[in-house]
Amino acid sequence: VSLDDFGSGFSSLNQIKHIPLDILKIDKAFIDDIVINPKDQAIVTTVLALGKSLGLTVLAEGVETEEQLAYLKENGCDQIQGFIIAPPLSFDAFKEKLKKELIHM
């Protein structure tokens, strides 16, 4: 079970206590300017520390640049998703991509 877009909308710290979570997802809004905005950096590093202390996997959404990826790796982010890996794909396109990746292994 994952808590999507943590830190935005209606998510709150109270939910973390009561929902049996496995993954805490950091919203893209905090990732966009993470390299240049100290406030975004503070929020992301705090969410990473919170997730780790609760024994959760932490995933960053919307990672688009090598700089963002480097910052997240340096600060212990477990997983990422975003355009740096691939654009959103339909199921059929994903199957084709997976076939090509497996063939090249």
PDB file of N, CA and C in Angstrom:
ATOM      1  N   VAL A   1       0.864  -1.169   0.000  1.00  0.00           N
ATOM      2  CA  VAL A   1       0.000   0.000   0.000  1.00  0.00           C
ATOM      3  C   VAL A   1       0.904   1.224   0.000  1.00  0.00           C
ATOM      4  N   SER A   2       0.587   2.182  -0.860  1.00  0.00           N
ATOM      5  CA  SER A   2       1.387   3.406  -0.883  1.00  0.00           C
ATOM      6  C   SER A   2       0.507   4.623  -0.668  1.00  0.00           C
ATOM      7  N   LEU A   3       1.098   5.642  -0.052  1.00  0.00           N
ATOM      8  CA  LEU A   3       0.418   6.916   0.132  1.00  0.00           C
ATOM      9  C   LEU A   3       0.943   7.844  -0.946  1.00  0.00           C
ATOM     10  N   ASP A   4       0.098   8.141  -1.927  1.00  0.00           N
ATOM     11  CA  ASP A   4       0.471   8.924  -3.096  1.00  0.00           C
ATOM     12  C   ASP A   4       0.465  10.409  -2.774  1.00  0.00           C
ATOM     13  N   ASP A   5       1.353  11.148  -3.444  1.00  0.00           N
ATOM     14  CA  ASP A   5       1.402  12.612  -3.350  1.00  0.00           C
ATOM     15  C   ASP A   5       1.515  13.106  -1.913  1.00  0.00           C
ATOM     16  N   PHE A   6       2.349  12.423  -1.115  1.00  0.00           N
ATOM     17  CA  PHE A   6       2.461  12.815   0.285  1.00  0.00           C
ATOM     18  C   PHE A   6       2.917  14.260   0.410  1.00  0.00           C
ATOM     19  N   GLY A   7       2.282  14.983   1.298  1.00  0.00           N
ATOM     20  CA  GLY A   7       2.622  16.378   1.553  1.00  0.00           C
ATOM     21  C   GLY A   7       1.774  17.367   0.781  1.00  0.00           C
ATOM     22  N   SER A   8       0.904  16.881  -0.079  1.00  0.00           N
ATOM     23  CA  SER A   8       0.026  17.781  -0.827  1.00  0.00           C
ATOM     24  C   SER A   8      -1.412  17.316  -0.665  1.00  0.00           C
ATOM     25  N   GLY A   9      -2.326  18.164  -1.001  1.00  0.00           N
ATOM     26  CA  GLY A   9      -3.733  17.782  -0.944  1.00  0.00           C
ATOM     27  C   GLY A   9      -4.178  17.433   0.458  1.00  0.00           C
ATOM     28  N   PHE A  10      -4.827  16.273   0.596  1.00  0.00           N
ATOM     29  CA  PHE A  10      -5.413  15.887   1.867  1.00  0.00           C
ATOM     30  C   PHE A  10      -4.553  14.917   2.661  1.00  0.00           C
ATOM     31  N   SER A  11      -3.347  14.618   2.202  1.00  0.00           N
ATOM     32  CA  SER A  11      -2.509  13.712   2.977  1.00  0.00           C
ATOM     33  C   SER A  11      -2.028  14.426   4.237  1.00  0.00           C
ATOM     34  N   SER A  12      -1.861  13.667   5.280  1.00  0.00           N
ATOM     35  CA  SER A  12      -1.404  14.259   6.528  1.00  0.00           C
ATOM     36  C   SER A  12      -0.592  13.246   7.318  1.00  0.00           C
ATOM     37  N   LEU A  13       0.125  13.749   8.306  1.00  0.00           N
ATOM     38  CA  LEU A  13       0.908  12.860   9.159  1.00  0.00           C
ATOM     39  C   LEU A  13       0.021  11.871   9.899  1.00  0.00           C
ATOM     40  N   ASN A  14      -1.184  12.274  10.191  1.00  0.00           N
ATOM     41  CA  ASN A  14      -2.110  11.393  10.906  1.00  0.00           C
ATOM     42  C   ASN A  14      -2.394  10.118  10.104  1.00  0.00           C
ATOM     43  N   GLN A  15      -2.452  10.219   8.782  1.00  0.00           N
ATOM     44  CA  GLN A  15      -2.723   9.049   7.959  1.00  0.00           C
ATOM     45  C   GLN A  15      -1.620   8.006   8.079  1.00  0.00           C
ATOM     46  N   ILE A  16      -0.387   8.454   8.233  1.00  0.00           N
ATOM     47  CA  ILE A  16       0.727   7.522   8.315  1.00  0.00           C
ATOM     48  C   ILE A  16       0.584   6.613   9.531  1.00  0.00           C
ATOM     49  N   LYS A  17       0.048   7.151  10.607  1.00  0.00           N
ATOM     50  CA  LYS A  17      -0.114   6.354  11.826  1.00  0.00           C
ATOM     51  C   LYS A  17      -1.164   5.268  11.695  1.00  0.00           C
ATOM     52  N   HIS A  18      -2.186   5.499  10.888  1.00  0.00           N
ATOM     53  CA  HIS A  18      -3.350   4.621  10.885  1.00  0.00           C
ATOM     54  C   HIS A  18      -3.487   3.698   9.678  1.00  0.00           C
ATOM     55  N   ILE A  19      -2.759   3.975   8.615  1.00  0.00           N
ATOM     56  CA  ILE A  19      -2.866   3.162   7.404  1.00  0.00           C
ATOM     57  C   ILE A  19      -1.645   2.240   7.343  1.00  0.00           C
ATOM     58  N   PRO A  20      -1.852   0.970   7.060  1.00  0.00           N
ATOM     59  CA  PRO A  20      -0.702   0.055   6.960  1.00  0.00           C
ATOM     60  C   PRO A  20       0.061   0.283   5.650  1.00  0.00           C
ATOM     61  N   LEU A  21       0.974   1.226   5.672  1.00  0.00           N
ATOM     62  CA  LEU A  21       1.689   1.639   4.465  1.00  0.00           C
ATOM     63  C   LEU A  21       2.961   0.831   4.238  1.00  0.00           C
ATOM     64  N   ASP A  22       3.338   0.722   2.972  1.00  0.00           N
ATOM     65  CA  ASP A  22       4.626   0.168   2.580  1.00  0.00           C
ATOM     66  C   ASP A  22       5.496   1.227   1.913  1.00  0.00           C
ATOM     67  N   ILE A  23       4.841   2.111   1.161  1.00  0.00           N
ATOM     68  CA  ILE A  23       5.554   3.104   0.350  1.00  0.00           C
ATOM     69  C   ILE A  23       4.988   4.493   0.606  1.00  0.00           C
ATOM     70  N   LEU A  24       5.892   5.445   0.765  1.00  0.00           N
ATOM     71  CA  LEU A  24       5.534   6.852   0.892  1.00  0.00           C
ATOM     72  C   LEU A  24       6.035   7.547  -0.363  1.00  0.00           C
ATOM     73  N   LYS A  25       5.124   8.156  -1.137  1.00  0.00           N
ATOM     74  CA  LYS A  25       5.488   8.782  -2.408  1.00  0.00           C
ATOM     75  C   LYS A  25       5.564  10.303  -2.236  1.00  0.00           C
ATOM     76  N   ILE A  26       6.723  10.857  -2.569  1.00  0.00           N
ATOM     77  CA  ILE A  26       6.920  12.306  -2.485  1.00  0.00           C
ATOM     78  C   ILE A  26       6.362  12.944  -3.755  1.00  0.00           C
ATOM     79  N   ASP A  27       5.484  13.912  -3.590  1.00  0.00           N
ATOM     80  CA  ASP A  27       4.827  14.566  -4.713  1.00  0.00           C
ATOM     81  C   ASP A  27       5.826  15.299  -5.610  1.00  0.00           C
ATOM     82  N   LYS A  28       5.551  15.269  -6.906  1.00  0.00           N
ATOM     83  CA  LYS A  28       6.367  15.934  -7.918  1.00  0.00           C
ATOM     84  C   LYS A  28       6.563  17.422  -7.629  1.00  0.00           C
ATOM     85  N   ALA A  29       5.592  18.050  -7.001  1.00  0.00           N
ATOM     86  CA  ALA A  29       5.689  19.484  -6.707  1.00  0.00           C
ATOM     87  C   ALA A  29       6.932  19.811  -5.879  1.00  0.00           C
ATOM     88  N   PHE A  30       7.379  18.871  -5.047  1.00  0.00           N
ATOM     89  CA  PHE A  30       8.576  19.095  -4.235  1.00  0.00           C
ATOM     90  C   PHE A  30       9.850  18.696  -4.969  1.00  0.00           C
ATOM     91  N   ILE A  31       9.718  17.920  -6.024  1.00  0.00           N
ATOM     92  CA  ILE A  31      10.880  17.440  -6.772  1.00  0.00           C
ATOM     93  C   ILE A  31      11.296  18.445  -7.851  1.00  0.00           C
ATOM     94  N   ASP A  32      10.320  19.143  -8.423  1.00  0.00           N
ATOM     95  CA  ASP A  32      10.585  20.044  -9.552  1.00  0.00           C
ATOM     96  C   ASP A  32      11.767  20.987  -9.317  1.00  0.00           C
ATOM     97  N   ASP A  33      11.814  21.666  -8.177  1.00  0.00           N
ATOM     98  CA  ASP A  33      12.854  22.664  -7.913  1.00  0.00           C
ATOM     99  C   ASP A  33      13.825  22.223  -6.824  1.00  0.00           C
ATOM    100  N   ILE A  34      13.922  20.930  -6.605  1.00  0.00           N
ATOM    101  CA  ILE A  34      14.728  20.426  -5.494  1.00  0.00           C
ATOM    102  C   ILE A  34      16.195  20.840  -5.569  1.00  0.00           C
ATOM    103  N   VAL A  35      16.703  21.051  -6.760  1.00  0.00           N
ATOM    104  CA  VAL A  35      18.112  21.385  -6.912  1.00  0.00           C
ATOM    105  C   VAL A  35      18.384  22.845  -6.558  1.00  0.00           C
ATOM    106  N   ILE A  36      17.368  23.712  -6.686  1.00  0.00           N
ATOM    107  CA  ILE A  36      17.593  25.153  -6.483  1.00  0.00           C
ATOM    108  C   ILE A  36      16.821  25.754  -5.316  1.00  0.00           C
ATOM    109  N   ASN A  37      15.862  25.031  -4.769  1.00  0.00           N
ATOM    110  CA  ASN A  37      15.013  25.606  -3.728  1.00  0.00           C
ATOM    111  C   ASN A  37      15.286  24.943  -2.377  1.00  0.00           C
ATOM    112  N   PRO A  38      15.901  25.681  -1.457  1.00  0.00           N
ATOM    113  CA  PRO A  38      16.210  25.105  -0.147  1.00  0.00           C
ATOM    114  C   PRO A  38      14.973  24.621   0.618  1.00  0.00           C
ATOM    115  N   LYS A  39      13.831  25.247   0.401  1.00  0.00           N
ATOM    116  CA  LYS A  39      12.622  24.805   1.084  1.00  0.00           C
ATOM    117  C   LYS A  39      12.170  23.439   0.569  1.00  0.00           C
ATOM    118  N   ASP A  40      12.234  23.235  -0.744  1.00  0.00           N
ATOM    119  CA  ASP A  40      11.909  21.919  -1.298  1.00  0.00           C
ATOM    120  C   ASP A  40      12.908  20.878  -0.806  1.00  0.00           C
ATOM    121  N   GLN A  41      14.176  21.256  -0.737  1.00  0.00           N
ATOM    122  CA  GLN A  41      15.193  20.333  -0.222  1.00  0.00           C
ATOM    123  C   GLN A  41      14.879  19.927   1.213  1.00  0.00           C
ATOM    124  N   ALA A  42      14.503  20.895   2.040  1.00  0.00           N
ATOM    125  CA  ALA A  42      14.184  20.607   3.441  1.00  0.00           C
ATOM    126  C   ALA A  42      12.984  19.672   3.556  1.00  0.00           C
ATOM    127  N   ILE A  43      11.971  19.912   2.745  1.00  0.00           N
ATOM    128  CA  ILE A  43      10.773  19.061   2.782  1.00  0.00           C
ATOM    129  C   ILE A  43      11.117  17.649   2.346  1.00  0.00           C
ATOM    130  N   VAL A  44      11.847  17.524   1.251  1.00  0.00           N
ATOM    131  CA  VAL A  44      12.179  16.191   0.721  1.00  0.00           C
ATOM    132  C   VAL A  44      13.064  15.425   1.701  1.00  0.00           C
ATOM    133  N   THR A  45      14.096  16.056   2.234  1.00  0.00           N
ATOM    134  CA  THR A  45      14.968  15.335   3.161  1.00  0.00           C
ATOM    135  C   THR A  45      14.218  14.958   4.439  1.00  0.00           C
ATOM    136  N   THR A  46      13.278  15.780   4.855  1.00  0.00           N
ATOM    137  CA  THR A  46      12.468  15.455   6.030  1.00  0.00           C
ATOM    138  C   THR A  46      11.550  14.271   5.758  1.00  0.00           C
ATOM    139  N   VAL A  47      10.912  14.249   4.597  1.00  0.00           N
ATOM    140  CA  VAL A  47      10.034  13.123   4.243  1.00  0.00           C
ATOM    141  C   VAL A  47      10.853  11.847   4.102  1.00  0.00           C
ATOM    142  N   LEU A  48      12.053  11.953   3.527  1.00  0.00           N
ATOM    143  CA  LEU A  48      12.924  10.782   3.426  1.00  0.00           C
ATOM    144  C   LEU A  48      13.267  10.243   4.815  1.00  0.00           C
ATOM    145  N   ALA A  49      13.634  11.131   5.719  1.00  0.00           N
ATOM    146  CA  ALA A  49      13.975  10.705   7.083  1.00  0.00           C
ATOM    147  C   ALA A  49      12.768  10.107   7.796  1.00  0.00           C
ATOM    148  N   LEU A  50      11.606  10.721   7.623  1.00  0.00           N
ATOM    149  CA  LEU A  50      10.384  10.216   8.236  1.00  0.00           C
ATOM    150  C   LEU A  50      10.062   8.820   7.718  1.00  0.00           C
ATOM    151  N   GLY A  51      10.093   8.666   6.408  1.00  0.00           N
ATOM    152  CA  GLY A  51       9.812   7.365   5.810  1.00  0.00           C
ATOM    153  C   GLY A  51      10.759   6.297   6.303  1.00  0.00           C
ATOM    154  N   LYS A  52      12.049   6.610   6.335  1.00  0.00           N
ATOM    155  CA  LYS A  52      13.053   5.647   6.800  1.00  0.00           C
ATOM    156  C   LYS A  52      12.814   5.277   8.255  1.00  0.00           C
ATOM    157  N   SER A  53      12.525   6.273   9.091  1.00  0.00           N
ATOM    158  CA  SER A  53      12.338   5.980  10.516  1.00  0.00           C
ATOM    159  C   SER A  53      11.087   5.150  10.769  1.00  0.00           C
ATOM    160  N   LEU A  54      10.127   5.192   9.850  1.00  0.00           N
ATOM    161  CA  LEU A  54       8.914   4.378   9.965  1.00  0.00           C
ATOM    162  C   LEU A  54       9.042   3.037   9.247  1.00  0.00           C
ATOM    163  N   GLY A  55      10.206   2.801   8.651  1.00  0.00           N
ATOM    164  CA  GLY A  55      10.438   1.543   7.956  1.00  0.00           C
ATOM    165  C   GLY A  55       9.741   1.444   6.612  1.00  0.00           C
ATOM    166  N   LEU A  56       9.481   2.587   5.983  1.00  0.00           N
ATOM    167  CA  LEU A  56       8.791   2.621   4.698  1.00  0.00           C
ATOM    168  C   LEU A  56       9.774   2.812   3.551  1.00  0.00           C
ATOM    169  N   THR A  57       9.412   2.321   2.399  1.00  0.00           N
ATOM    170  CA  THR A  57      10.118   2.636   1.165  1.00  0.00           C
ATOM    171  C   THR A  57       9.672   4.032   0.753  1.00  0.00           C
ATOM    172  N   VAL A  58      10.617   4.869   0.325  1.00  0.00           N
ATOM    173  CA  VAL A  58      10.263   6.222  -0.116  1.00  0.00           C
ATOM    174  C   VAL A  58      10.517   6.334  -1.612  1.00  0.00           C
ATOM    175  N   LEU A  59       9.503   6.787  -2.342  1.00  0.00           N
ATOM    176  CA  LEU A  59       9.542   6.923  -3.791  1.00  0.00           C
ATOM    177  C   LEU A  59       9.315   8.386  -4.158  1.00  0.00           C
ATOM    178  N   ALA A  60      10.146   8.925  -5.028  1.00  0.00           N
ATOM    179  CA  ALA A  60       9.987  10.301  -5.509  1.00  0.00           C
ATOM    180  C   ALA A  60       9.319  10.274  -6.879  1.00  0.00           C
ATOM    181  N   GLU A  61       8.273  11.069  -7.025  1.00  0.00           N
ATOM    182  CA  GLU A  61       7.531  11.162  -8.287  1.00  0.00           C
ATOM    183  C   GLU A  61       8.055  12.325  -9.123  1.00  0.00           C
ATOM    184  N   GLY A  62       7.985  12.165 -10.434  1.00  0.00           N
ATOM    185  CA  GLY A  62       8.259  13.277 -11.343  1.00  0.00           C
ATOM    186  C   GLY A  62       9.717  13.624 -11.515  1.00  0.00           C
ATOM    187  N   VAL A  63      10.599  12.652 -11.368  1.00  0.00           N
ATOM    188  CA  VAL A  63      12.027  12.912 -11.541  1.00  0.00           C
ATOM    189  C   VAL A  63      12.311  13.032 -13.041  1.00  0.00           C
ATOM    190  N   GLU A  64      12.864  14.186 -13.422  1.00  0.00           N
ATOM    191  CA  GLU A  64      13.069  14.468 -14.848  1.00  0.00           C
ATOM    192  C   GLU A  64      14.513  14.735 -15.218  1.00  0.00           C
ATOM    193  N   THR A  65      15.352  15.110 -14.259  1.00  0.00           N
ATOM    194  CA  THR A  65      16.726  15.498 -14.605  1.00  0.00           C
ATOM    195  C   THR A  65      17.749  14.670 -13.828  1.00  0.00           C
ATOM    196  N   GLU A  66      18.964  14.643 -14.385  1.00  0.00           N
ATOM    197  CA  GLU A  66      20.070  13.953 -13.709  1.00  0.00           C
ATOM    198  C   GLU A  66      20.378  14.615 -12.363  1.00  0.00           C
ATOM    199  N   GLU A  67      20.224  15.935 -12.285  1.00  0.00           N
ATOM    200  CA  GLU A  67      20.495  16.651 -11.041  1.00  0.00           C
ATOM    201  C   GLU A  67      19.513  16.248  -9.947  1.00  0.00           C
ATOM    202  N   GLN A  68      18.241  16.143 -10.308  1.00  0.00           N
ATOM    203  CA  GLN A  68      17.244  15.687  -9.342  1.00  0.00           C
ATOM    204  C   GLN A  68      17.563  14.273  -8.875  1.00  0.00           C
ATOM    205  N   LEU A  69      17.886  13.404  -9.824  1.00  0.00           N
ATOM    206  CA  LEU A  69      18.216  12.021  -9.510  1.00  0.00           C
ATOM    207  C   LEU A  69      19.421  11.948  -8.576  1.00  0.00           C
ATOM    208  N   ALA A  70      20.448  12.719  -8.868  1.00  0.00           N
ATOM    209  CA  ALA A  70      21.654  12.720  -8.030  1.00  0.00           C
ATOM    210  C   ALA A  70      21.326  13.174  -6.608  1.00  0.00           C
ATOM    211  N   TYR A  71      20.525  14.228  -6.475  1.00  0.00           N
ATOM    212  CA  TYR A  71      20.147  14.719  -5.150  1.00  0.00           C
ATOM    213  C   TYR A  71      19.399  13.634  -4.371  1.00  0.00           C
ATOM    214  N   LEU A  72      18.459  12.982  -5.036  1.00  0.00           N
ATOM    215  CA  LEU A  72      17.664  11.953  -4.369  1.00  0.00           C
ATOM    216  C   LEU A  72      18.513  10.753  -3.972  1.00  0.00           C
ATOM    217  N   LYS A  73      19.425  10.336  -4.838  1.00  0.00           N
ATOM    218  CA  LYS A  73      20.325   9.227  -4.510  1.00  0.00           C
ATOM    219  C   LYS A  73      21.188   9.587  -3.310  1.00  0.00           C
ATOM    220  N   GLU A  74      21.744  10.787  -3.350  1.00  0.00           N
ATOM    221  CA  GLU A  74      22.628  11.251  -2.275  1.00  0.00           C
ATOM    222  C   GLU A  74      21.908  11.293  -0.931  1.00  0.00           C
ATOM    223  N   ASN A  75      20.617  11.519  -0.959  1.00  0.00           N
ATOM    224  CA  ASN A  75      19.850  11.647   0.275  1.00  0.00           C
ATOM    225  C   ASN A  75      19.059  10.389   0.631  1.00  0.00           C
ATOM    226  N   GLY A  76      19.347   9.284  -0.052  1.00  0.00           N
ATOM    227  CA  GLY A  76      18.809   7.991   0.352  1.00  0.00           C
ATOM    228  C   GLY A  76      17.423   7.633  -0.130  1.00  0.00           C
ATOM    229  N   CYS A  77      16.967   8.254  -1.209  1.00  0.00           N
ATOM    230  CA  CYS A  77      15.660   7.896  -1.753  1.00  0.00           C
ATOM    231  C   CYS A  77      15.731   6.482  -2.323  1.00  0.00           C
ATOM    232  N   ASP A  78      14.725   5.666  -2.018  1.00  0.00           N
ATOM    233  CA  ASP A  78      14.730   4.261  -2.420  1.00  0.00           C
ATOM    234  C   ASP A  78      14.358   4.044  -3.879  1.00  0.00           C
ATOM    235  N   GLN A  79      13.345   4.751  -4.355  1.00  0.00           N
ATOM    236  CA  GLN A  79      12.826   4.526  -5.701  1.00  0.00           C
ATOM    237  C   GLN A  79      12.421   5.850  -6.318  1.00  0.00           C
ATOM    238  N   ILE A  80      12.401   5.861  -7.659  1.00  0.00           N
ATOM    239  CA  ILE A  80      11.936   7.052  -8.373  1.00  0.00           C
ATOM    240  C   ILE A  80      11.005   6.623  -9.489  1.00  0.00           C
ATOM    241  N   GLN A  81      10.231   7.582  -9.949  1.00  0.00           N
ATOM    242  CA  GLN A  81       9.484   7.413 -11.184  1.00  0.00           C
ATOM    243  C   GLN A  81       9.479   8.760 -11.874  1.00  0.00           C
ATOM    244  N   GLY A  82       9.412   8.744 -13.189  1.00  0.00           N
ATOM    245  CA  GLY A  82       9.389   9.999 -13.920  1.00  0.00           C
ATOM    246  C   GLY A  82       9.960   9.863 -15.311  1.00  0.00           C
ATOM    247  N   PHE A  83       9.953  10.964 -16.008  1.00  0.00           N
ATOM    248  CA  PHE A  83      10.390  11.002 -17.400  1.00  0.00           C
ATOM    249  C   PHE A  83      11.856  10.619 -17.567  1.00  0.00           C
ATOM    250  N   ILE A  84      12.658  10.723 -16.506  1.00  0.00           N
ATOM    251  CA  ILE A  84      14.060  10.334 -16.638  1.00  0.00           C
ATOM    252  C   ILE A  84      14.175   8.842 -16.954  1.00  0.00           C
ATOM    253  N   ILE A  85      13.169   8.069 -16.554  1.00  0.00           N
ATOM    254  CA  ILE A  85      13.138   6.636 -16.859  1.00  0.00           C
ATOM    255  C   ILE A  85      12.374   6.392 -18.152  1.00  0.00           C
ATOM    256  N   ALA A  86      11.156   6.916 -18.214  1.00  0.00           N
ATOM    257  CA  ALA A  86      10.316   6.743 -19.408  1.00  0.00           C
ATOM    258  C   ALA A  86       9.089   7.632 -19.273  1.00  0.00           C
ATOM    259  N   PRO A  87       8.529   8.047 -20.408  1.00  0.00           N
ATOM    260  CA  PRO A  87       7.252   8.784 -20.344  1.00  0.00           C
ATOM    261  C   PRO A  87       6.132   7.807 -19.979  1.00  0.00           C
ATOM    262  N   PRO A  88       4.981   8.315 -19.604  1.00  0.00           N
ATOM    263  CA  PRO A  88       3.853   7.407 -19.359  1.00  0.00           C
ATOM    264  C   PRO A  88       3.574   6.576 -20.610  1.00  0.00           C
ATOM    265  N   LEU A  89       3.294   5.302 -20.400  1.00  0.00           N
ATOM    266  CA  LEU A  89       3.077   4.385 -21.520  1.00  0.00           C
ATOM    267  C   LEU A  89       1.740   3.675 -21.378  1.00  0.00           C
ATOM    268  N   SER A  90       1.115   3.397 -22.505  1.00  0.00           N
ATOM    269  CA  SER A  90      -0.065   2.538 -22.490  1.00  0.00           C
ATOM    270  C   SER A  90       0.401   1.121 -22.153  1.00  0.00           C
ATOM    271  N   PHE A  91      -0.521   0.257 -21.808  1.00  0.00           N
ATOM    272  CA  PHE A  91      -0.170  -1.113 -21.482  1.00  0.00           C
ATOM    273  C   PHE A  91       0.527  -1.797 -22.657  1.00  0.00           C
ATOM    274  N   ASP A  92      -0.003  -1.616 -23.861  1.00  0.00           N
ATOM    275  CA  ASP A  92       0.591  -2.238 -25.039  1.00  0.00           C
ATOM    276  C   ASP A  92       2.008  -1.714 -25.307  1.00  0.00           C
ATOM    277  N   ALA A  93       2.199  -0.419 -25.159  1.00  0.00           N
ATOM    278  CA  ALA A  93       3.522   0.161 -25.364  1.00  0.00           C
ATOM    279  C   ALA A  93       4.501  -0.348 -24.303  1.00  0.00           C
ATOM    280  N   PHE A  94       4.010  -0.500 -23.080  1.00  0.00           N
ATOM    281  CA  PHE A  94       4.852  -1.035 -22.010  1.00  0.00           C
ATOM    282  C   PHE A  94       5.276  -2.470 -22.321  1.00  0.00           C
ATOM    283  N   LYS A  95       4.338  -3.290 -22.798  1.00  0.00           N
ATOM    284  CA  LYS A  95       4.668  -4.674 -23.147  1.00  0.00           C
ATOM    285  C   LYS A  95       5.751  -4.709 -24.227  1.00  0.00           C
ATOM    286  N   GLU A  96       5.628  -3.851 -25.235  1.00  0.00           N
ATOM    287  CA  GLU A  96       6.614  -3.812 -26.307  1.00  0.00           C
ATOM    288  C   GLU A  96       7.980  -3.368 -25.780  1.00  0.00           C
ATOM    289  N   LYS A  97       7.982  -2.357 -24.946  1.00  0.00           N
ATOM    290  CA  LYS A  97       9.240  -1.878 -24.361  1.00  0.00           C
ATOM    291  C   LYS A  97       9.883  -2.977 -23.526  1.00  0.00           C
ATOM    292  N   LEU A  98       9.087  -3.672 -22.739  1.00  0.00           N
ATOM    293  CA  LEU A  98       9.592  -4.746 -21.913  1.00  0.00           C
ATOM    294  C   LEU A  98      10.186  -5.880 -22.762  1.00  0.00           C
ATOM    295  N   LYS A  99       9.510  -6.222 -23.842  1.00  0.00           N
ATOM    296  CA  LYS A  99      10.023  -7.259 -24.750  1.00  0.00           C
ATOM    297  C   LYS A  99      11.383  -6.852 -25.306  1.00  0.00           C
ATOM    298  N   LYS A 100      11.497  -5.595 -25.751  1.00  0.00           N
ATOM    299  CA  LYS A 100      12.770  -5.110 -26.308  1.00  0.00           C
ATOM    300  C   LYS A 100      13.868  -5.115 -25.250  1.00  0.00           C
ATOM    301  N   GLU A 101      13.529  -4.699 -24.033  1.00  0.00           N
ATOM    302  CA  GLU A 101      14.527  -4.665 -22.952  1.00  0.00           C
ATOM    303  C   GLU A 101      14.990  -6.083 -22.614  1.00  0.00           C
ATOM    304  N   LEU A 102      14.075  -7.026 -22.570  1.00  0.00           N
ATOM    305  CA  LEU A 102      14.436  -8.399 -22.221  1.00  0.00           C
ATOM    306  C   LEU A 102      15.277  -9.049 -23.321  1.00  0.00           C
ATOM    307  N   ILE A 103      14.999  -8.708 -24.554  1.00  0.00           N
ATOM    308  CA  ILE A 103      15.756  -9.265 -25.677  1.00  0.00           C
ATOM    309  C   ILE A 103      17.207  -8.778 -25.625  1.00  0.00           C
ATOM    310  N   HIS A 104      17.417  -7.534 -25.203  1.00  0.00           N
ATOM    311  CA  HIS A 104      18.768  -6.949 -25.177  1.00  0.00           C
ATOM    312  C   HIS A 104      19.566  -7.356 -23.947  1.00  0.00           C
ATOM    313  N   MET A 105      18.983  -8.088 -23.027  1.00  0.00           N
ATOM    314  CA  MET A 105      19.699  -8.480 -21.811  1.00  0.00           C
ATOM    315  C   MET A 105      20.599  -9.647 -22.051  1.00  0.00           C
TER     316      MET A 105
END
